[in-house]
Amino acid sequence: MFNRIIHLTGILCLLFLHKVALAAPGDILFSDDFERADLAPNWTADVTAAAGISSATANSPSRSMYTRNQAVTVTSSIIDLTVPGADISYWVRRGIDIAGSEDPDANEDLIIEFLDSVGTWVNVVAYLGDGTPGEIFTGTISLPFTALHANFQLRIRQTGGSGVDWDYWHIDDIVITETAASRPPLTLGSCDDFEQGMSNWNIVSGGGNAGISTATSQSPGSSMFTNSGVVAVTSNDIDTSNPLFNGISMWIRRGSDTFSEDPDGGEDFVVEYLDNTLSWITLETFPGSGTPGETFSRNYSLPTSAQHTGFQIRFRQIAGNSGLWDYWHVDDVCIEGSVPFPTLVVLKTVALEDDPVNATSPKAIPLSNSVYTIRISNAGFGSPDADSLVINDDIPAGTELFTGDFSGGAPYSFIDGSGADASGVTCDFVSLSDTSDCVTFLDAASNPIIPNGSYDPAVKTIRFQPAGTMNASTGSNTPYFDINFRIRVTGP
């Protein structure tokens, strides 16, 4: 969501804050070349006889990890990936009939997965057992945002096998490298031009490959490609439940010998989306046997069944020949629709409470008290950033703020909207000296101070910073909250 600054007339101002993350691109966060005898300390196998390290084949210099014989899972130690972005690179080889190896068969696949921030194992890439013996795969994949957390783990999983010393996969040179912040996940109103890696996409290989290249593109200078066989590339989950969502657009190009290599008959390219019944719906199938280098600009209008919180886009190449053959290229994938913005309305009212002279009809005379109420409501279809609301109210000249027990021990009260009008934020009080709760007191130089716990003339501004994300309107409601506090007119 976008950050905004709203300038208000009078003495009240409302601000959105933005946090900036620092990155150290190029740092190696994890690496393993398996140049040792045992999987420990970096890895643990659930079937110890079915995984280990050998010198049968390797990428560098002489040893690699293997899985064999049966379904087996090898899981890494915990890796702290609390970084702006990260890439994983690896070397994989399908077994071959040499000493210490044997090629796997159908359904004896190798899958690389990671543990995401909510504890789900997510596929990075999959290689089919039924393929060319000894075939080598290398890849560098930008990890999605769900991988960037403190308890990240990597998992290498073989899905099946047989015999005593058959059905091998070999893995070497696994490296996780910190990168600069990747492009944010696809959301309503955003595009992916593939200039910042594949962090928004998961690749499942059935023998084919996918990645980023500069061979051709619509917008300078990169695009995504698929090639060399069966492969599927699926987007992150996209919340399209907003009625402003109206479809997706993209640029697609068939390969050509002038910049990649053209696909043949049957090596088709399929564009699909996931609807609200979790069914994949085909939008279009591009035939492999067509004009090499032909480009297609597409803007697909989608039905209401595409409007849901788990919407995804999927590209599938259904066939191809192993090697640098049979390319399709994709660029500028956009989620069409207007980005909903918050429309924050600020209303300040004053209710005279009492005075030292009049018992029934108080007047705004010296030593009279008034209750100020600030109401913040959101009439827009969007929400501001989480924890970004800041409400400053200057104490008028000739008055002083009450900093004692106004409500439940706090010098203010926070009253949330009810039912559908609930704001979604909180404004907790800890103590007058606490620096992390909702309220801060500022002096004439705008410096934080600790008030005296009564009427305090030193406090010139009261600041509130509610926690959470303010709810958006749906058109039939208006989320809001009220903050109340007491002001006294100073004596003569």
Foldseek 3Di string as FASTA:
>chain_A
DDFDFDDDPDFKGKGFDDDDDDADFFDWQDKFQQPDWFPPPFKDKPDRLFKTKDQQDGDPDGMWIKGAAFKMKMKTAFTQQQGQWKKKKKKKWAFPPDPQTAQFAFLQKKWKWKQFPVGDTGTQEIEGRHDDHGDMDIDIAIAAPRQRHRGMMMMIITRTHRDNRYHMMTMGIIIMTIRHHADHAAEEFDWFFCPRGQRFKGKYDHQKDKTKDQLPGDDPGIWIKIAAFKMKIKGAFYQQQDPQFWWKKKKKWAAPPVRAAAFDFPQKKWKWKQFQVRDTDTPDIGGSHDDHGDMDIDTDTDDSRQRGRGMMMMMIGHTHHHDRYHMMTIGIMHRYGDDWDWDKDKDKDKAWDAAPPDDPDHDQAAFTKIKIKIKIKTAIQDWHDFQTIKMKGFFDPQKFFFQAPPDPGGQKDKFWDDDPQGFFWAFDDDALPDPPGFKFFAAPVRDTDRAPRGGGPRGGMMMGGIGTMTHHDPNVYMHMMMMMHMMGRHHD
